[in-house]
Amino acid sequence: MCPDKELLSAWYDGEVEEPWKGEIETHVGQCEKCRSVLEEFSGIASFLDQDRVVLTRFKKKEMYRQVMHQHRRSRIIPIWQKSVPLPVAAAAVLILGVSLIMPAFNGSVAVPSVAQAEEEDLSAIDV
């Protein structure tokens, strides 16, 4: 069974220790598929080692941005982890606040009529 590309990459970079290092080396000597993957790694490494390829800070950031964009597209984000733009959140809070306040007014304001006011004034006077 062939090791995955990540393990082959780690072995290629010298990051695998014994006894796995020897086993992978033996496997690569017998497996054409793994040798072709290692040739691909070698081609990438030689391309990056060329004098004309200079990874500036901008290029590194751009490469990171592209990798992260691809990563974000490949996974599903739960709704509770998604961000909401500030104007949308502010509008939702405003609508909720108005909808909670409006039933308290119920469309009418209790204003006493003139007749009720006169009755109250007369009842306050003892004769």
N, C-alpha and C. Protein backbone atom coordinates (compact mmCIF):
# COMPACT_ATOMS: atom_id res chain seq x y z
N MET A 1 0.85 -1.18 0.00
CA MET A 1 0.00 0.00 0.00
C MET A 1 0.89 1.24 0.00
N CYS A 2 0.58 2.19 -0.84
CA CYS A 2 1.40 3.40 -0.99
C CYS A 2 1.09 4.40 0.12
N PRO A 3 2.13 5.11 0.60
CA PRO A 3 1.88 6.19 1.55
C PRO A 3 1.20 7.36 0.84
N ASP A 4 0.48 8.18 1.61
CA ASP A 4 -0.18 9.33 0.99
C ASP A 4 0.85 10.40 0.63
N LYS A 5 0.39 11.41 -0.13
CA LYS A 5 1.30 12.45 -0.62
C LYS A 5 1.94 13.25 0.52
N GLU A 6 1.20 13.46 1.59
CA GLU A 6 1.74 14.22 2.72
C GLU A 6 2.92 13.49 3.35
N LEU A 7 2.79 12.18 3.52
CA LEU A 7 3.87 11.40 4.10
C LEU A 7 5.07 11.34 3.14
N LEU A 8 4.80 11.18 1.84
CA LEU A 8 5.88 11.19 0.86
C LEU A 8 6.60 12.54 0.86
N SER A 9 5.82 13.62 0.98
CA SER A 9 6.42 14.96 1.02
C SER A 9 7.30 15.12 2.25
N ALA A 10 6.84 14.64 3.38
CA ALA A 10 7.64 14.71 4.61
C ALA A 10 8.90 13.87 4.46
N TRP A 11 8.81 12.71 3.83
CA TRP A 11 9.99 11.87 3.61
C TRP A 11 10.96 12.56 2.65
N TYR A 12 10.42 13.18 1.60
CA TYR A 12 11.24 13.90 0.63
C TYR A 12 12.00 15.05 1.30
N ASP A 13 11.35 15.71 2.25
CA ASP A 13 11.96 16.84 2.97
C ASP A 13 12.88 16.39 4.10
N GLY A 14 12.96 15.07 4.35
CA GLY A 14 13.82 14.56 5.40
C GLY A 14 13.23 14.69 6.79
N GLU A 15 11.91 14.71 6.88
CA GLU A 15 11.24 14.91 8.16
C GLU A 15 10.73 13.61 8.78
N VAL A 16 10.99 12.47 8.15
CA VAL A 16 10.54 11.17 8.66
C VAL A 16 11.72 10.46 9.30
N GLU A 17 11.51 9.92 10.49
CA GLU A 17 12.59 9.24 11.20
C GLU A 17 12.44 7.72 11.05
N GLU A 18 13.50 7.02 11.46
CA GLU A 18 13.51 5.56 11.43
C GLU A 18 12.47 5.03 12.40
N PRO A 19 11.85 3.94 12.21
CA PRO A 19 12.04 2.96 11.14
C PRO A 19 11.25 3.27 9.88
N TRP A 20 10.37 4.29 9.95
CA TRP A 20 9.52 4.59 8.79
C TRP A 20 10.33 5.09 7.60
N LYS A 21 11.40 5.81 7.88
CA LYS A 21 12.23 6.34 6.81
C LYS A 21 12.75 5.21 5.91
N GLY A 22 13.26 4.14 6.52
CA GLY A 22 13.78 3.01 5.76
C GLY A 22 12.69 2.28 5.00
N GLU A 23 11.53 2.13 5.63
CA GLU A 23 10.42 1.43 4.96
C GLU A 23 9.92 2.22 3.75
N ILE A 24 9.82 3.51 3.88
CA ILE A 24 9.36 4.32 2.75
C ILE A 24 10.41 4.29 1.63
N GLU A 25 11.68 4.34 2.00
CA GLU A 25 12.75 4.28 1.01
C GLU A 25 12.70 2.97 0.23
N THR A 26 12.47 1.87 0.93
CA THR A 26 12.35 0.56 0.28
C THR A 26 11.14 0.54 -0.65
N HIS A 27 10.02 1.09 -0.17
CA HIS A 27 8.79 1.10 -0.97
C HIS A 27 8.98 1.94 -2.23
N VAL A 28 9.59 3.12 -2.08
CA VAL A 28 9.78 4.00 -3.23
C VAL A 28 10.68 3.33 -4.27
N GLY A 29 11.64 2.54 -3.83
CA GLY A 29 12.50 1.83 -4.77
C GLY A 29 11.75 0.80 -5.60
N GLN A 30 10.60 0.35 -5.11
CA GLN A 30 9.84 -0.69 -5.81
C GLN A 30 8.58 -0.16 -6.50
N CYS A 31 8.14 1.05 -6.12
CA CYS A 31 6.84 1.55 -6.60
C CYS A 31 7.02 2.68 -7.62
N GLU A 32 6.57 2.44 -8.82
CA GLU A 32 6.68 3.44 -9.89
C GLU A 32 5.79 4.65 -9.62
N LYS A 33 4.62 4.40 -9.07
CA LYS A 33 3.67 5.48 -8.79
C LYS A 33 4.27 6.47 -7.78
N CYS A 34 4.87 5.97 -6.72
CA CYS A 34 5.47 6.85 -5.70
C CYS A 34 6.69 7.57 -6.25
N ARG A 35 7.44 6.92 -7.12
CA ARG A 35 8.59 7.59 -7.73
C ARG A 35 8.15 8.76 -8.60
N SER A 36 7.02 8.60 -9.29
CA SER A 36 6.52 9.70 -10.13
C SER A 36 6.06 10.87 -9.26
N VAL A 37 5.48 10.57 -8.09
CA VAL A 37 5.09 11.64 -7.16
C VAL A 37 6.34 12.38 -6.67
N LEU A 38 7.40 11.63 -6.36
CA LEU A 38 8.64 12.25 -5.90
C LEU A 38 9.30 13.08 -7.00
N GLU A 39 9.18 12.63 -8.27
CA GLU A 39 9.69 13.42 -9.39
C GLU A 39 8.92 14.73 -9.51
N GLU A 40 7.62 14.69 -9.23
CA GLU A 40 6.80 15.90 -9.23
C GLU A 40 7.30 16.86 -8.14
N PHE A 41 7.56 16.33 -6.94
CA PHE A 41 8.09 17.16 -5.86
C PHE A 41 9.44 17.75 -6.26
N SER A 42 10.27 16.95 -6.90
CA SER A 42 11.58 17.42 -7.32
C SER A 42 11.46 18.55 -8.34
N GLY A 43 10.52 18.42 -9.27
CA GLY A 43 10.29 19.47 -10.27
C GLY A 43 9.84 20.77 -9.63
N ILE A 44 8.96 20.66 -8.66
CA ILE A 44 8.48 21.86 -7.96
C ILE A 44 9.63 22.52 -7.20
N ALA A 45 10.42 21.70 -6.52
CA ALA A 45 11.54 22.24 -5.74
C ALA A 45 12.56 22.91 -6.65
N SER A 46 12.87 22.32 -7.80
CA SER A 46 13.85 22.93 -8.70
C SER A 46 13.29 24.22 -9.31
N PHE A 47 12.00 24.26 -9.58
CA PHE A 47 11.39 25.49 -10.09
C PHE A 47 11.50 26.62 -9.07
N LEU A 48 11.23 26.31 -7.82
CA LEU A 48 11.30 27.34 -6.79
C LEU A 48 12.74 27.75 -6.47
N ASP A 49 13.69 26.88 -6.75
CA ASP A 49 15.10 27.20 -6.49
C ASP A 49 15.72 28.06 -7.58
N GLN A 50 15.07 28.20 -8.70
CA GLN A 50 15.62 29.00 -9.79
C GLN A 50 15.77 30.45 -9.35
N ASP A 51 16.78 31.11 -9.89
CA ASP A 51 17.04 32.50 -9.52
C ASP A 51 15.92 33.44 -9.93
N ARG A 52 15.21 33.13 -11.00
CA ARG A 52 14.19 34.05 -11.47
C ARG A 52 12.91 33.99 -10.64
N VAL A 53 12.75 32.98 -9.82
CA VAL A 53 11.56 32.88 -8.97
C VAL A 53 11.89 33.44 -7.60
N VAL A 54 11.36 34.60 -7.32
CA VAL A 54 11.58 35.24 -6.03
C VAL A 54 10.20 35.42 -5.39
N LEU A 55 10.03 34.80 -4.24
CA LEU A 55 8.75 34.93 -3.55
C LEU A 55 8.81 36.16 -2.65
N THR A 56 8.23 37.22 -3.12
CA THR A 56 8.17 38.42 -2.31
C THR A 56 7.07 38.27 -1.28
N ARG A 57 7.02 39.20 -0.35
CA ARG A 57 5.98 39.17 0.67
C ARG A 57 4.59 39.22 0.03
N PHE A 58 4.44 40.05 -1.03
CA PHE A 58 3.15 40.14 -1.71
C PHE A 58 2.75 38.81 -2.32
N LYS A 59 3.70 38.14 -2.99
CA LYS A 59 3.38 36.87 -3.63
C LYS A 59 3.02 35.81 -2.60
N LYS A 60 3.72 35.81 -1.46
CA LYS A 60 3.40 34.85 -0.41
C LYS A 60 1.99 35.10 0.11
N LYS A 61 1.64 36.37 0.34
CA LYS A 61 0.29 36.69 0.82
C LYS A 61 -0.76 36.30 -0.21
N GLU A 62 -0.47 36.55 -1.47
CA GLU A 62 -1.42 36.21 -2.53
C GLU A 62 -1.60 34.69 -2.62
N MET A 63 -0.50 33.95 -2.52
CA MET A 63 -0.61 32.49 -2.54
C MET A 63 -1.41 31.99 -1.34
N TYR A 64 -1.15 32.56 -0.16
CA TYR A 64 -1.89 32.18 1.04
C TYR A 64 -3.37 32.49 0.87
N ARG A 65 -3.68 33.67 0.31
CA ARG A 65 -5.07 34.05 0.10
C ARG A 65 -5.78 33.07 -0.83
N GLN A 66 -5.11 32.66 -1.89
CA GLN A 66 -5.71 31.72 -2.83
C GLN A 66 -5.93 30.35 -2.20
N VAL A 67 -4.95 29.90 -1.42
CA VAL A 67 -5.10 28.60 -0.76
C VAL A 67 -6.26 28.65 0.24
N MET A 68 -6.34 29.72 1.03
CA MET A 68 -7.42 29.83 2.01
C MET A 68 -8.78 29.98 1.33
N HIS A 69 -8.82 30.69 0.21
CA HIS A 69 -10.08 30.83 -0.52
C HIS A 69 -10.56 29.46 -1.01
N GLN A 70 -9.64 28.68 -1.53
CA GLN A 70 -9.99 27.34 -2.00
C GLN A 70 -10.43 26.47 -0.83
N HIS A 71 -9.75 26.61 0.31
CA HIS A 71 -10.10 25.83 1.49
C HIS A 71 -11.50 26.20 1.98
N ARG A 72 -11.80 27.49 2.02
CA ARG A 72 -13.12 27.92 2.49
C ARG A 72 -14.23 27.44 1.56
N ARG A 73 -13.95 27.42 0.26
CA ARG A 73 -14.96 26.95 -0.68
C ARG A 73 -15.20 25.47 -0.54
N SER A 74 -14.22 24.73 -0.05
CA SER A 74 -14.34 23.28 0.00
C SER A 74 -15.04 22.78 1.25
N ARG A 75 -15.31 23.65 2.23
CA ARG A 75 -15.97 23.17 3.44
C ARG A 75 -17.28 23.94 3.65
N ILE A 76 -18.20 23.31 4.33
CA ILE A 76 -19.49 23.91 4.62
C ILE A 76 -19.40 24.58 5.98
N ILE A 77 -19.79 25.85 6.04
CA ILE A 77 -19.73 26.60 7.28
C ILE A 77 -21.13 26.59 7.91
N PRO A 78 -21.24 26.15 9.16
CA PRO A 78 -22.55 26.17 9.82
C PRO A 78 -23.08 27.60 9.93
N ILE A 79 -24.40 27.74 9.95
CA ILE A 79 -25.02 29.06 9.92
C ILE A 79 -24.63 29.90 11.14
N TRP A 80 -24.39 29.27 12.29
CA TRP A 80 -24.04 30.05 13.48
C TRP A 80 -22.60 30.55 13.45
N GLN A 81 -21.80 30.11 12.47
CA GLN A 81 -20.43 30.59 12.34
C GLN A 81 -20.28 31.62 11.23
N LYS A 82 -21.35 31.89 10.52
CA LYS A 82 -21.28 32.86 9.44
C LYS A 82 -21.41 34.27 10.03
N SER A 83 -20.73 35.21 9.41
CA SER A 83 -20.79 36.59 9.89
C SER A 83 -21.90 37.34 9.16
N VAL A 84 -22.46 38.33 9.85
CA VAL A 84 -23.52 39.14 9.29
C VAL A 84 -22.98 40.57 9.17
N PRO A 85 -23.17 41.23 8.03
CA PRO A 85 -22.71 42.60 7.88
C PRO A 85 -23.38 43.52 8.92
N LEU A 86 -22.66 44.52 9.39
CA LEU A 86 -23.15 45.42 10.43
C LEU A 86 -24.46 46.11 10.06
N PRO A 87 -24.63 46.66 8.84
CA PRO A 87 -25.92 47.31 8.52
C PRO A 87 -27.11 46.35 8.60
N VAL A 88 -26.91 45.10 8.22
CA VAL A 88 -28.00 44.12 8.28
C VAL A 88 -28.36 43.84 9.74
N ALA A 89 -27.35 43.67 10.59
CA ALA A 89 -27.60 43.42 12.01
C ALA A 89 -28.28 44.61 12.66
N ALA A 90 -27.85 45.84 12.32
CA ALA A 90 -28.45 47.04 12.89
C ALA A 90 -29.92 47.17 12.47
N ALA A 91 -30.20 46.88 11.21
CA ALA A 91 -31.59 46.94 10.73
C ALA A 91 -32.45 45.90 11.44
N ALA A 92 -31.92 44.71 11.66
CA ALA A 92 -32.68 43.67 12.35
C ALA A 92 -32.98 44.08 13.78
N VAL A 93 -32.02 44.66 14.48
CA VAL A 93 -32.25 45.12 15.86
C VAL A 93 -33.28 46.23 15.88
N LEU A 94 -33.21 47.17 14.94
CA LEU A 94 -34.17 48.27 14.88
C LEU A 94 -35.59 47.75 14.63
N ILE A 95 -35.74 46.84 13.69
CA ILE A 95 -37.06 46.27 13.40
C ILE A 95 -37.61 45.52 14.60
N LEU A 96 -36.75 44.75 15.26
CA LEU A 96 -37.19 44.02 16.44
C LEU A 96 -37.61 44.97 17.56
N GLY A 97 -36.84 46.02 17.77
CA GLY A 97 -37.18 46.99 18.81
C GLY A 97 -38.51 47.68 18.54
N VAL A 98 -38.72 48.11 17.31
CA VAL A 98 -39.98 48.78 16.95
C VAL A 98 -41.15 47.81 17.08
N SER A 99 -40.96 46.56 16.68
CA SER A 99 -42.06 45.60 16.76
C SER A 99 -42.40 45.24 18.21
N LEU A 100 -41.45 45.37 19.13
CA LEU A 100 -41.74 45.13 20.54
C LEU A 100 -42.41 46.33 21.21
N ILE A 101 -42.10 47.53 20.74
CA ILE A 101 -42.66 48.74 21.34
C ILE A 101 -44.07 49.01 20.82
N MET A 102 -44.34 48.74 19.58
CA MET A 102 -45.64 49.07 18.96
C MET A 102 -46.84 48.43 19.66
N PRO A 103 -46.79 47.17 20.07
CA PRO A 103 -47.97 46.61 20.75
C PRO A 103 -48.30 47.31 22.07
N ALA A 104 -47.34 47.94 22.70
CA ALA A 104 -47.61 48.66 23.95
C ALA A 104 -48.50 49.86 23.69
N PHE A 105 -48.35 50.50 22.55
CA PHE A 105 -49.20 51.65 22.23
C PHE A 105 -50.54 51.20 21.67
N ASN A 106 -50.59 50.09 21.03
CA ASN A 106 -51.81 49.50 20.48
C ASN A 106 -52.58 50.48 19.62
N GLY A 107 -51.88 51.40 19.03
CA GLY A 107 -52.49 52.32 18.09
C GLY A 107 -53.29 53.44 18.74
N SER A 108 -53.44 53.47 20.05
CA SER A 108 -54.20 54.55 20.68
C SER A 108 -53.50 54.98 21.96
N VAL A 109 -53.69 56.24 22.27
CA VAL A 109 -53.11 56.80 23.48
C VAL A 109 -54.29 57.18 24.38
N ALA A 110 -54.21 56.81 25.64
CA ALA A 110 -55.31 57.09 26.56
C ALA A 110 -55.32 58.57 26.93
N VAL A 111 -56.24 59.34 26.29
CA VAL A 111 -56.41 60.78 26.58
C VAL A 111 -57.82 60.96 27.14
N PRO A 112 -57.92 61.48 28.33
CA PRO A 112 -59.27 61.65 28.90
C PRO A 112 -60.08 62.67 28.11
N SER A 113 -61.36 62.39 28.00
CA SER A 113 -62.24 63.33 27.30
C SER A 113 -62.57 64.50 28.21
N VAL A 114 -63.15 65.53 27.65
CA VAL A 114 -63.50 66.74 28.41
C VAL A 114 -64.57 66.40 29.45
N ALA A 115 -65.54 65.56 29.11
CA ALA A 115 -66.62 65.20 30.04
C ALA A 115 -66.05 64.46 31.24
N GLN A 116 -65.10 63.56 31.02
CA GLN A 116 -64.49 62.83 32.12
C GLN A 116 -63.71 63.79 33.01
N ALA A 117 -63.06 64.75 32.42
CA ALA A 117 -62.28 65.71 33.20
C ALA A 117 -63.18 66.55 34.08
N GLU A 118 -64.34 66.98 33.53
CA GLU A 118 -65.28 67.79 34.32
C GLU A 118 -65.85 66.99 35.47
N GLU A 119 -66.18 65.72 35.24
CA GLU A 119 -66.72 64.88 36.30
C GLU A 119 -65.70 64.71 37.42
N GLU A 120 -64.45 64.52 37.07
CA GLU A 120 -63.42 64.35 38.07
C GLU A 120 -63.24 65.62 38.88
N ASP A 121 -63.31 66.78 38.20
CA ASP A 121 -63.15 68.06 38.90
C ASP A 121 -64.32 68.28 39.87
N LEU A 122 -65.54 67.93 39.44
CA LEU A 122 -66.71 68.15 40.28
C LEU A 122 -66.73 67.16 41.44
N SER A 123 -66.27 65.96 41.23
CA SER A 123 -66.28 65.00 42.30
C SER A 123 -65.27 65.35 43.38
N ALA A 124 -64.29 66.13 43.02
CA ALA A 124 -63.27 66.51 43.99
C ALA A 124 -63.79 67.61 44.93
N ILE A 125 -64.84 68.29 44.52
CA ILE A 125 -65.38 69.37 45.35
C ILE A 125 -66.46 68.81 46.28
N ASP A 126 -66.30 69.01 47.56
CA ASP A 126 -67.31 68.58 48.53
C ASP A 126 -68.28 69.73 48.78
N VAL A 127 -69.54 69.49 48.63
CA VAL A 127 -70.54 70.50 48.92
C VAL A 127 -71.38 70.15 50.09
